[in-house]
Amino acid sequence: MNKLLLQAEVVHIEPLRYTPAGIPLLSVVLRHVSEQVEAGMKRKVECEVNAVVLGDQILGSLALQGLTLGSHILATGFLAKRSLKSTQLVMHINHIEHISN
């Protein structure tokens, strides 16, 4: 199973663009900060995750309406390679909930 649920702040939004197939694509960078327990010890976790949102339905109803720098969101999606020749991972978001910080 490949499912990722991430609570994060939007720290970068690129201009809307389109794939060669004409599908709208929005690229964002998400910043996550939390405290996790690992091996019985508390650990502060900070990371930035590159993410994309694809398609007319998701862009029109979720991502573009109210998604601004500094927005706090709960993003659900999956991980995939950036491209066929890349090993870098990117989160593909298929659901966004706006949350209060």
PDB file of N, CA and C in Angstrom:
ATOM      1  N   MET A   1       0.847  -1.176   0.000  1.00  0.00           N
ATOM      2  CA  MET A   1       0.000   0.000   0.000  1.00  0.00           C
ATOM      3  C   MET A   1       0.888   1.234   0.000  1.00  0.00           C
ATOM      4  N   ASN A   2       0.488   2.241  -0.713  1.00  0.00           N
ATOM      5  CA  ASN A   2       1.236   3.500  -0.818  1.00  0.00           C
ATOM      6  C   ASN A   2       0.266   4.626  -0.511  1.00  0.00           C
ATOM      7  N   LYS A   3       0.210   5.036   0.752  1.00  0.00           N
ATOM      8  CA  LYS A   3      -0.691   6.112   1.168  1.00  0.00           C
ATOM      9  C   LYS A   3       0.057   7.010   2.145  1.00  0.00           C
ATOM     10  N   LEU A   4      -0.065   8.308   1.940  1.00  0.00           N
ATOM     11  CA  LEU A   4       0.621   9.272   2.787  1.00  0.00           C
ATOM     12  C   LEU A   4      -0.391  10.288   3.297  1.00  0.00           C
ATOM     13  N   LEU A   5      -0.392  10.513   4.589  1.00  0.00           N
ATOM     14  CA  LEU A   5      -1.236  11.511   5.240  1.00  0.00           C
ATOM     15  C   LEU A   5      -0.291  12.466   5.951  1.00  0.00           C
ATOM     16  N   LEU A   6      -0.344  13.750   5.590  1.00  0.00           N
ATOM     17  CA  LEU A   6       0.630  14.698   6.099  1.00  0.00           C
ATOM     18  C   LEU A   6      -0.048  15.997   6.506  1.00  0.00           C
ATOM     19  N   GLN A   7       0.166  16.398   7.746  1.00  0.00           N
ATOM     20  CA  GLN A   7      -0.283  17.708   8.214  1.00  0.00           C
ATOM     21  C   GLN A   7       0.874  18.656   7.992  1.00  0.00           C
ATOM     22  N   ALA A   8       0.628  19.757   7.258  1.00  0.00           N
ATOM     23  CA  ALA A   8       1.742  20.608   6.868  1.00  0.00           C
ATOM     24  C   ALA A   8       1.295  22.033   6.590  1.00  0.00           C
ATOM     25  N   GLU A   9       2.296  22.893   6.457  1.00  0.00           N
ATOM     26  CA  GLU A   9       2.086  24.281   6.056  1.00  0.00           C
ATOM     27  C   GLU A   9       2.567  24.442   4.617  1.00  0.00           C
ATOM     28  N   VAL A  10       1.801  25.174   3.821  1.00  0.00           N
ATOM     29  CA  VAL A  10       2.193  25.430   2.437  1.00  0.00           C
ATOM     30  C   VAL A  10       3.241  26.541   2.455  1.00  0.00           C
ATOM     31  N   VAL A  11       4.458  26.230   1.980  1.00  0.00           N
ATOM     32  CA  VAL A  11       5.537  27.222   2.010  1.00  0.00           C
ATOM     33  C   VAL A  11       5.937  27.716   0.623  1.00  0.00           C
ATOM     34  N   HIS A  12       5.447  27.063  -0.417  1.00  0.00           N
ATOM     35  CA  HIS A  12       5.740  27.515  -1.781  1.00  0.00           C
ATOM     36  C   HIS A  12       4.649  26.996  -2.715  1.00  0.00           C
ATOM     37  N   ILE A  13       4.172  27.857  -3.599  1.00  0.00           N
ATOM     38  CA  ILE A  13       3.194  27.473  -4.621  1.00  0.00           C
ATOM     39  C   ILE A  13       3.714  27.967  -5.959  1.00  0.00           C
ATOM     40  N   GLU A  14       3.873  27.056  -6.899  1.00  0.00           N
ATOM     41  CA  GLU A  14       4.315  27.442  -8.238  1.00  0.00           C
ATOM     42  C   GLU A  14       3.100  27.819  -9.077  1.00  0.00           C
ATOM     43  N   PRO A  15       3.306  28.582 -10.129  1.00  0.00           N
ATOM     44  CA  PRO A  15       2.184  28.911 -11.013  1.00  0.00           C
ATOM     45  C   PRO A  15       1.574  27.641 -11.622  1.00  0.00           C
ATOM     46  N   LEU A  16       0.275  27.690 -11.831  1.00  0.00           N
ATOM     47  CA  LEU A  16      -0.433  26.577 -12.456  1.00  0.00           C
ATOM     48  C   LEU A  16       0.149  26.323 -13.845  1.00  0.00           C
ATOM     49  N   ARG A  17       0.387  25.049 -14.164  1.00  0.00           N
ATOM     50  CA  ARG A  17       0.883  24.700 -15.495  1.00  0.00           C
ATOM     51  C   ARG A  17       0.112  23.484 -15.981  1.00  0.00           C
ATOM     52  N   TYR A  18       0.406  23.073 -17.194  1.00  0.00           N
ATOM     53  CA  TYR A  18      -0.304  21.949 -17.797  1.00  0.00           C
ATOM     54  C   TYR A  18       0.693  20.913 -18.300  1.00  0.00           C
ATOM     55  N   THR A  19       0.354  19.641 -18.155  1.00  0.00           N
ATOM     56  CA  THR A  19       1.187  18.560 -18.665  1.00  0.00           C
ATOM     57  C   THR A  19       1.074  18.545 -20.190  1.00  0.00           C
ATOM     58  N   PRO A  20       1.963  17.819 -20.869  1.00  0.00           N
ATOM     59  CA  PRO A  20       1.838  17.702 -22.331  1.00  0.00           C
ATOM     60  C   PRO A  20       0.481  17.144 -22.765  1.00  0.00           C
ATOM     61  N   ALA A  21      -0.187  16.399 -21.893  1.00  0.00           N
ATOM     62  CA  ALA A  21      -1.512  15.847 -22.200  1.00  0.00           C
ATOM     63  C   ALA A  21      -2.630  16.846 -21.914  1.00  0.00           C
ATOM     64  N   GLY A  22      -2.267  18.055 -21.432  1.00  0.00           N
ATOM     65  CA  GLY A  22      -3.269  19.084 -21.158  1.00  0.00           C
ATOM     66  C   GLY A  22      -3.899  19.016 -19.776  1.00  0.00           C
ATOM     67  N   ILE A  23      -3.330  18.240 -18.878  1.00  0.00           N
ATOM     68  CA  ILE A  23      -3.873  18.111 -17.519  1.00  0.00           C
ATOM     69  C   ILE A  23      -3.278  19.206 -16.635  1.00  0.00           C
ATOM     70  N   PRO A  24      -4.137  19.969 -15.931  1.00  0.00           N
ATOM     71  CA  PRO A  24      -3.615  21.009 -15.041  1.00  0.00           C
ATOM     72  C   PRO A  24      -2.789  20.401 -13.904  1.00  0.00           C
ATOM     73  N   LEU A  25      -1.691  21.068 -13.556  1.00  0.00           N
ATOM     74  CA  LEU A  25      -0.785  20.574 -12.530  1.00  0.00           C
ATOM     75  C   LEU A  25      -0.351  21.746 -11.657  1.00  0.00           C
ATOM     76  N   LEU A  26      -0.514  21.583 -10.357  1.00  0.00           N
ATOM     77  CA  LEU A  26      -0.092  22.589  -9.393  1.00  0.00           C
ATOM     78  C   LEU A  26       0.985  21.974  -8.513  1.00  0.00           C
ATOM     79  N   SER A  27       2.182  22.570  -8.490  1.00  0.00           N
ATOM     80  CA  SER A  27       3.283  22.099  -7.648  1.00  0.00           C
ATOM     81  C   SER A  27       3.378  22.966  -6.410  1.00  0.00           C
ATOM     82  N   VAL A  28       3.541  22.322  -5.261  1.00  0.00           N
ATOM     83  CA  VAL A  28       3.661  23.035  -3.985  1.00  0.00           C
ATOM     84  C   VAL A  28       4.778  22.399  -3.169  1.00  0.00           C
ATOM     85  N   VAL A  29       5.244  23.134  -2.172  1.00  0.00           N
ATOM     86  CA  VAL A  29       6.178  22.590  -1.187  1.00  0.00           C
ATOM     87  C   VAL A  29       5.486  22.688   0.163  1.00  0.00           C
ATOM     88  N   LEU A  30       5.469  21.577   0.879  1.00  0.00           N
ATOM     89  CA  LEU A  30       4.826  21.495   2.187  1.00  0.00           C
ATOM     90  C   LEU A  30       5.880  21.338   3.268  1.00  0.00           C
ATOM     91  N   ARG A  31       5.696  22.057   4.380  1.00  0.00           N
ATOM     92  CA  ARG A  31       6.632  21.965   5.513  1.00  0.00           C
ATOM     93  C   ARG A  31       5.908  21.305   6.674  1.00  0.00           C
ATOM     94  N   HIS A  32       6.486  20.242   7.168  1.00  0.00           N
ATOM     95  CA  HIS A  32       5.905  19.490   8.291  1.00  0.00           C
ATOM     96  C   HIS A  32       6.823  19.602   9.501  1.00  0.00           C
ATOM     97  N   VAL A  33       6.227  19.851  10.664  1.00  0.00           N
ATOM     98  CA  VAL A  33       6.967  19.876  11.931  1.00  0.00           C
ATOM     99  C   VAL A  33       6.125  19.121  12.954  1.00  0.00           C
ATOM    100  N   SER A  34       6.728  18.152  13.628  1.00  0.00           N
ATOM    101  CA  SER A  34       5.999  17.408  14.659  1.00  0.00           C
ATOM    102  C   SER A  34       6.991  16.768  15.624  1.00  0.00           C
ATOM    103  N   GLU A  35       6.444  16.141  16.636  1.00  0.00           N
ATOM    104  CA  GLU A  35       7.244  15.359  17.571  1.00  0.00           C
ATOM    105  C   GLU A  35       6.739  13.930  17.485  1.00  0.00           C
ATOM    106  N   GLN A  36       7.642  13.000  17.227  1.00  0.00           N
ATOM    107  CA  GLN A  36       7.295  11.589  17.078  1.00  0.00           C
ATOM    108  C   GLN A  36       8.042  10.777  18.129  1.00  0.00           C
ATOM    109  N   VAL A  37       7.495   9.614  18.437  1.00  0.00           N
ATOM    110  CA  VAL A  37       8.169   8.699  19.358  1.00  0.00           C
ATOM    111  C   VAL A  37       8.796   7.586  18.526  1.00  0.00           C
ATOM    112  N   GLU A  38      10.115   7.429  18.706  1.00  0.00           N
ATOM    113  CA  GLU A  38      10.855   6.402  17.991  1.00  0.00           C
ATOM    114  C   GLU A  38      11.743   5.673  18.986  1.00  0.00           C
ATOM    115  N   ALA A  39      11.618   4.369  19.045  1.00  0.00           N
ATOM    116  CA  ALA A  39      12.395   3.542  19.981  1.00  0.00           C
ATOM    117  C   ALA A  39      12.230   4.039  21.414  1.00  0.00           C
ATOM    118  N   GLY A  40      11.014   4.487  21.748  1.00  0.00           N
ATOM    119  CA  GLY A  40      10.716   4.945  23.093  1.00  0.00           C
ATOM    120  C   GLY A  40      11.202   6.341  23.421  1.00  0.00           C
ATOM    121  N   MET A  41      11.780   7.031  22.455  1.00  0.00           N
ATOM    122  CA  MET A  41      12.312   8.374  22.674  1.00  0.00           C
ATOM    123  C   MET A  41      11.556   9.374  21.810  1.00  0.00           C
ATOM    124  N   LYS A  42      11.369  10.579  22.352  1.00  0.00           N
ATOM    125  CA  LYS A  42      10.748  11.640  21.576  1.00  0.00           C
ATOM    126  C   LYS A  42      11.760  12.206  20.590  1.00  0.00           C
ATOM    127  N   ARG A  43      11.281  12.476  19.386  1.00  0.00           N
ATOM    128  CA  ARG A  43      12.150  13.003  18.334  1.00  0.00           C
ATOM    129  C   ARG A  43      11.415  14.111  17.596  1.00  0.00           C
ATOM    130  N   LYS A  44      12.074  15.266  17.446  1.00  0.00           N
ATOM    131  CA  LYS A  44      11.492  16.357  16.671  1.00  0.00           C
ATOM    132  C   LYS A  44      11.731  16.067  15.191  1.00  0.00           C
ATOM    133  N   VAL A  45      10.661  16.160  14.416  1.00  0.00           N
ATOM    134  CA  VAL A  45      10.737  15.875  12.991  1.00  0.00           C
ATOM    135  C   VAL A  45      10.392  17.141  12.222  1.00  0.00           C
ATOM    136  N   GLU A  46      11.261  17.536  11.309  1.00  0.00           N
ATOM    137  CA  GLU A  46      11.023  18.670  10.420  1.00  0.00           C
ATOM    138  C   GLU A  46      11.413  18.242   9.016  1.00  0.00           C
ATOM    139  N   CYS A  47      10.547  18.525   8.043  1.00  0.00           N
ATOM    140  CA  CYS A  47      10.897  18.200   6.664  1.00  0.00           C
ATOM    141  C   CYS A  47      10.076  19.053   5.708  1.00  0.00           C
ATOM    142  N   GLU A  48      10.593  19.172   4.499  1.00  0.00           N
ATOM    143  CA  GLU A  48       9.859  19.803   3.414  1.00  0.00           C
ATOM    144  C   GLU A  48       9.615  18.745   2.357  1.00  0.00           C
ATOM    145  N   VAL A  49       8.392  18.712   1.853  1.00  0.00           N
ATOM    146  CA  VAL A  49       7.981  17.695   0.891  1.00  0.00           C
ATOM    147  C   VAL A  49       7.484  18.389  -0.368  1.00  0.00           C
ATOM    148  N   ASN A  50       8.056  18.013  -1.509  1.00  0.00           N
ATOM    149  CA  ASN A  50       7.532  18.476  -2.790  1.00  0.00           C
ATOM    150  C   ASN A  50       6.260  17.703  -3.076  1.00  0.00           C
ATOM    151  N   ALA A  51       5.230  18.413  -3.550  1.00  0.00           N
ATOM    152  CA  ALA A  51       3.952  17.765  -3.816  1.00  0.00           C
ATOM    153  C   ALA A  51       3.321  18.350  -5.073  1.00  0.00           C
ATOM    154  N   VAL A  52       2.438  17.564  -5.685  1.00  0.00           N
ATOM    155  CA  VAL A  52       1.705  18.018  -6.860  1.00  0.00           C
ATOM    156  C   VAL A  52       0.236  17.665  -6.706  1.00  0.00           C
ATOM    157  N   VAL A  53      -0.610  18.486  -7.335  1.00  0.00           N
ATOM    158  CA  VAL A  53      -2.035  18.216  -7.440  1.00  0.00           C
ATOM    159  C   VAL A  53      -2.352  18.242  -8.928  1.00  0.00           C
ATOM    160  N   LEU A  54      -3.020  17.204  -9.416  1.00  0.00           N
ATOM    161  CA  LEU A  54      -3.303  17.078 -10.844  1.00  0.00           C
ATOM    162  C   LEU A  54      -4.806  17.010 -11.104  1.00  0.00           C
ATOM    163  N   GLY A  55      -5.240  17.541 -12.236  1.00  0.00           N
ATOM    164  CA  GLY A  55      -6.599  17.341 -12.707  1.00  0.00           C
ATOM    165  C   GLY A  55      -7.543  18.490 -12.461  1.00  0.00           C
ATOM    166  N   ASP A  56      -8.537  18.594 -13.330  1.00  0.00           N
ATOM    167  CA  ASP A  56      -9.534  19.664 -13.262  1.00  0.00           C
ATOM    168  C   ASP A  56     -10.332  19.648 -11.967  1.00  0.00           C
ATOM    169  N   GLN A  57     -10.844  18.488 -11.577  1.00  0.00           N
ATOM    170  CA  GLN A  57     -11.734  18.407 -10.422  1.00  0.00           C
ATOM    171  C   GLN A  57     -11.030  18.817  -9.137  1.00  0.00           C
ATOM    172  N   ILE A  58      -9.876  18.256  -8.888  1.00  0.00           N
ATOM    173  CA  ILE A  58      -9.184  18.559  -7.638  1.00  0.00           C
ATOM    174  C   ILE A  58      -8.681  19.993  -7.617  1.00  0.00           C
ATOM    175  N   LEU A  59      -8.211  20.516  -8.735  1.00  0.00           N
ATOM    176  CA  LEU A  59      -7.725  21.892  -8.771  1.00  0.00           C
ATOM    177  C   LEU A  59      -8.866  22.877  -8.558  1.00  0.00           C
ATOM    178  N   GLY A  60      -9.982  22.653  -9.222  1.00  0.00           N
ATOM    179  CA  GLY A  60     -11.091  23.592  -9.117  1.00  0.00           C
ATOM    180  C   GLY A  60     -11.742  23.607  -7.750  1.00  0.00           C
ATOM    181  N   SER A  61     -11.895  22.438  -7.146  1.00  0.00           N
ATOM    182  CA  SER A  61     -12.670  22.384  -5.915  1.00  0.00           C
ATOM    183  C   SER A  61     -11.848  22.478  -4.640  1.00  0.00           C
ATOM    184  N   LEU A  62     -10.590  22.048  -4.689  1.00  0.00           N
ATOM    185  CA  LEU A  62      -9.833  21.991  -3.440  1.00  0.00           C
ATOM    186  C   LEU A  62      -8.587  22.854  -3.421  1.00  0.00           C
ATOM    187  N   ALA A  63      -7.710  22.636  -4.352  1.00  0.00           N
ATOM    188  CA  ALA A  63      -6.369  23.203  -4.242  1.00  0.00           C
ATOM    189  C   ALA A  63      -6.328  24.702  -4.473  1.00  0.00           C
ATOM    190  N   LEU A  64      -7.010  25.201  -5.469  1.00  0.00           N
ATOM    191  CA  LEU A  64      -6.892  26.622  -5.783  1.00  0.00           C
ATOM    192  C   LEU A  64      -7.769  27.500  -4.911  1.00  0.00           C
ATOM    193  N   GLN A  65      -8.844  26.955  -4.378  1.00  0.00           N
ATOM    194  CA  GLN A  65      -9.742  27.756  -3.553  1.00  0.00           C
ATOM    195  C   GLN A  65      -9.223  27.786  -2.115  1.00  0.00           C
ATOM    196  N   GLY A  66      -8.612  28.868  -1.759  1.00  0.00           N
ATOM    197  CA  GLY A  66      -8.150  29.045  -0.386  1.00  0.00           C
ATOM    198  C   GLY A  66      -6.767  28.497  -0.092  1.00  0.00           C
ATOM    199  N   LEU A  67      -6.103  27.901  -1.059  1.00  0.00           N
ATOM    200  CA  LEU A  67      -4.754  27.410  -0.829  1.00  0.00           C
ATOM    201  C   LEU A  67      -3.778  28.559  -1.066  1.00  0.00           C
ATOM    202  N   THR A  68      -3.192  29.052   0.017  1.00  0.00           N
ATOM    203  CA  THR A  68      -2.280  30.180  -0.063  1.00  0.00           C
ATOM    204  C   THR A  68      -1.032  29.870   0.751  1.00  0.00           C
ATOM    205  N   LEU A  69      -0.002  30.668   0.552  1.00  0.00           N
ATOM    206  CA  LEU A  69       1.193  30.517   1.378  1.00  0.00           C
ATOM    207  C   LEU A  69       0.800  30.654   2.835  1.00  0.00           C
ATOM    208  N   GLY A  70       1.295  29.788   3.661  1.00  0.00           N
ATOM    209  CA  GLY A  70       0.980  29.817   5.075  1.00  0.00           C
ATOM    210  C   GLY A  70      -0.250  29.017   5.451  1.00  0.00           C
ATOM    211  N   SER A  71      -1.001  28.523   4.466  1.00  0.00           N
ATOM    212  CA  SER A  71      -2.164  27.672   4.757  1.00  0.00           C
ATOM    213  C   SER A  71      -1.706  26.414   5.482  1.00  0.00           C
ATOM    214  N   HIS A  72      -2.478  26.002   6.464  1.00  0.00           N
ATOM    215  CA  HIS A  72      -2.217  24.738   7.154  1.00  0.00           C
ATOM    216  C   HIS A  72      -3.221  23.727   6.629  1.00  0.00           C
ATOM    217  N   ILE A  73      -2.689  22.601   6.143  1.00  0.00           N
ATOM    218  CA  ILE A  73      -3.543  21.614   5.495  1.00  0.00           C
ATOM    219  C   ILE A  73      -3.258  20.215   6.010  1.00  0.00           C
ATOM    220  N   LEU A  74      -4.207  19.344   5.771  1.00  0.00           N
ATOM    221  CA  LEU A  74      -4.039  17.916   5.953  1.00  0.00           C
ATOM    222  C   LEU A  74      -4.149  17.336   4.552  1.00  0.00           C
ATOM    223  N   ALA A  75      -3.048  16.836   4.022  1.00  0.00           N
ATOM    224  CA  ALA A  75      -2.995  16.340   2.647  1.00  0.00           C
ATOM    225  C   ALA A  75      -2.936  14.818   2.656  1.00  0.00           C
ATOM    226  N   THR A  76      -3.738  14.207   1.796  1.00  0.00           N
ATOM    227  CA  THR A  76      -3.742  12.763   1.628  1.00  0.00           C
ATOM    228  C   THR A  76      -3.364  12.452   0.191  1.00  0.00           C
ATOM    229  N   GLY A  77      -2.515  11.472   0.016  1.00  0.00           N
ATOM    230  CA  GLY A  77      -2.109  11.107  -1.328  1.00  0.00           C
ATOM    231  C   GLY A  77      -1.169   9.920  -1.311  1.00  0.00           C
ATOM    232  N   PHE A  78      -0.246   9.910  -2.272  1.00  0.00           N
ATOM    233  CA  PHE A  78       0.689   8.797  -2.400  1.00  0.00           C
ATOM    234  C   PHE A  78       2.030   9.326  -2.896  1.00  0.00           C
ATOM    235  N   LEU A  79       3.060   8.515  -2.763  1.00  0.00           N
ATOM    236  CA  LEU A  79       4.398   8.883  -3.218  1.00  0.00           C
ATOM    237  C   LEU A  79       4.682   8.242  -4.574  1.00  0.00           C
ATOM    238  N   ALA A  80       5.357   8.997  -5.434  1.00  0.00           N
ATOM    239  CA  ALA A  80       5.773   8.496  -6.746  1.00  0.00           C
ATOM    240  C   ALA A  80       7.066   9.187  -7.141  1.00  0.00           C
ATOM    241  N   LYS A  81       7.784   8.594  -8.082  1.00  0.00           N
ATOM    242  CA  LYS A  81       8.996   9.229  -8.592  1.00  0.00           C
ATOM    243  C   LYS A  81       8.619  10.493  -9.357  1.00  0.00           C
ATOM    244  N   ARG A  82       9.492  11.491  -9.299  1.00  0.00           N
ATOM    245  CA  ARG A  82       9.255  12.753 -10.000  1.00  0.00           C
ATOM    246  C   ARG A  82       9.088  12.518 -11.498  1.00  0.00           C
ATOM    247  N   SER A  83       9.871  11.610 -12.059  1.00  0.00           N
ATOM    248  CA  SER A  83       9.780  11.284 -13.484  1.00  0.00           C
ATOM    249  C   SER A  83      10.294   9.862 -13.674  1.00  0.00           C
ATOM    250  N   LEU A  84      10.200   9.368 -14.890  1.00  0.00           N
ATOM    251  CA  LEU A  84      10.642   7.999 -15.158  1.00  0.00           C
ATOM    252  C   LEU A  84      12.109   7.775 -14.838  1.00  0.00           C
ATOM    253  N   LYS A  85      12.944   8.785 -15.071  1.00  0.00           N
ATOM    254  CA  LYS A  85      14.391   8.623 -14.879  1.00  0.00           C
ATOM    255  C   LYS A  85      14.878   9.130 -13.517  1.00  0.00           C
ATOM    256  N   SER A  86      13.988   9.670 -12.703  1.00  0.00           N
ATOM    257  CA  SER A  86      14.375  10.246 -11.422  1.00  0.00           C
ATOM    258  C   SER A  86      14.135   9.256 -10.292  1.00  0.00           C
ATOM    259  N   THR A  87      14.921   9.386  -9.233  1.00  0.00           N
ATOM    260  CA  THR A  87      14.662   8.605  -8.019  1.00  0.00           C
ATOM    261  C   THR A  87      14.077   9.479  -6.913  1.00  0.00           C
ATOM    262  N   GLN A  88      13.950  10.786  -7.182  1.00  0.00           N
ATOM    263  CA  GLN A  88      13.402  11.718  -6.197  1.00  0.00           C
ATOM    264  C   GLN A  88      11.894  11.479  -6.056  1.00  0.00           C
ATOM    265  N   LEU A  89      11.421  11.431  -4.799  1.00  0.00           N
ATOM    266  CA  LEU A  89      10.006  11.199  -4.537  1.00  0.00           C
ATOM    267  C   LEU A  89       9.232  12.508  -4.455  1.00  0.00           C
ATOM    268  N   VAL A  90       7.975  12.453  -4.905  1.00  0.00           N
ATOM    269  CA  VAL A  90       7.052  13.586  -4.849  1.00  0.00           C
ATOM    270  C   VAL A  90       5.722  13.063  -4.329  1.00  0.00           C
ATOM    271  N   MET A  91       5.091  13.820  -3.450  1.00  0.00           N
ATOM    272  CA  MET A  91       3.755  13.457  -2.982  1.00  0.00           C
ATOM    273  C   MET A  91       2.732  13.893  -4.016  1.00  0.00           C
ATOM    274  N   HIS A  92       1.864  12.973  -4.417  1.00  0.00           N
ATOM    275  CA  HIS A  92       0.741  13.288  -5.301  1.00  0.00           C
ATOM    276  C   HIS A  92      -0.495  13.409  -4.412  1.00  0.00           C
ATOM    277  N   ILE A  93      -1.011  14.615  -4.294  1.00  0.00           N
ATOM    278  CA  ILE A  93      -2.135  14.883  -3.391  1.00  0.00           C
ATOM    279  C   ILE A  93      -3.446  14.607  -4.121  1.00  0.00           C
ATOM    280  N   ASN A  94      -4.322  13.825  -3.469  1.00  0.00           N
ATOM    281  CA  ASN A  94      -5.641  13.621  -4.040  1.00  0.00           C
ATOM    282  C   ASN A  94      -6.761  14.106  -3.122  1.00  0.00           C
ATOM    283  N   HIS A  95      -6.397  14.603  -1.929  1.00  0.00           N
ATOM    284  CA  HIS A  95      -7.400  15.197  -1.040  1.00  0.00           C
ATOM    285  C   HIS A  95      -6.715  16.209  -0.116  1.00  0.00           C
ATOM    286  N   ILE A  96      -7.327  17.368   0.029  1.00  0.00           N
ATOM    287  CA  ILE A  96      -6.798  18.411   0.907  1.00  0.00           C
ATOM    288  C   ILE A  96      -7.903  18.899   1.840  1.00  0.00           C
ATOM    289  N   GLU A  97      -7.572  18.999   3.123  1.00  0.00           N
ATOM    290  CA  GLU A  97      -8.470  19.625   4.095  1.00  0.00           C
ATOM    291  C   GLU A  97      -7.730  20.819   4.685  1.00  0.00           C
ATOM    292  N   HIS A  98      -8.375  21.957   4.729  1.00  0.00           N
ATOM    293  CA  HIS A  98      -7.788  23.123   5.382  1.00  0.00           C
ATOM    294  C   HIS A  98      -8.029  22.993   6.876  1.00  0.00           C
ATOM    295  N   ILE A  99      -6.984  23.214   7.664  1.00  0.00           N
ATOM    296  CA  ILE A  99      -7.103  23.115   9.129  1.00  0.00           C
ATOM    297  C   ILE A  99      -6.617  24.397   9.756  1.00  0.00           C
ATOM    298  N   SER A 100      -7.052  24.651  10.966  1.00  0.00           N
ATOM    299  CA  SER A 100      -6.568  25.849  11.674  1.00  0.00           C
ATOM    300  C   SER A 100      -5.284  25.486  12.390  1.00  0.00           C
ATOM    301  N   ASN A 101      -4.382  26.451  12.496  1.00  0.00           N
ATOM    302  CA  ASN A 101      -3.075  26.159  13.094  1.00  0.00           C
ATOM    303  C   ASN A 101      -3.100  26.365  14.552  1.00  0.00           C
TER     304      ASN A 101
END
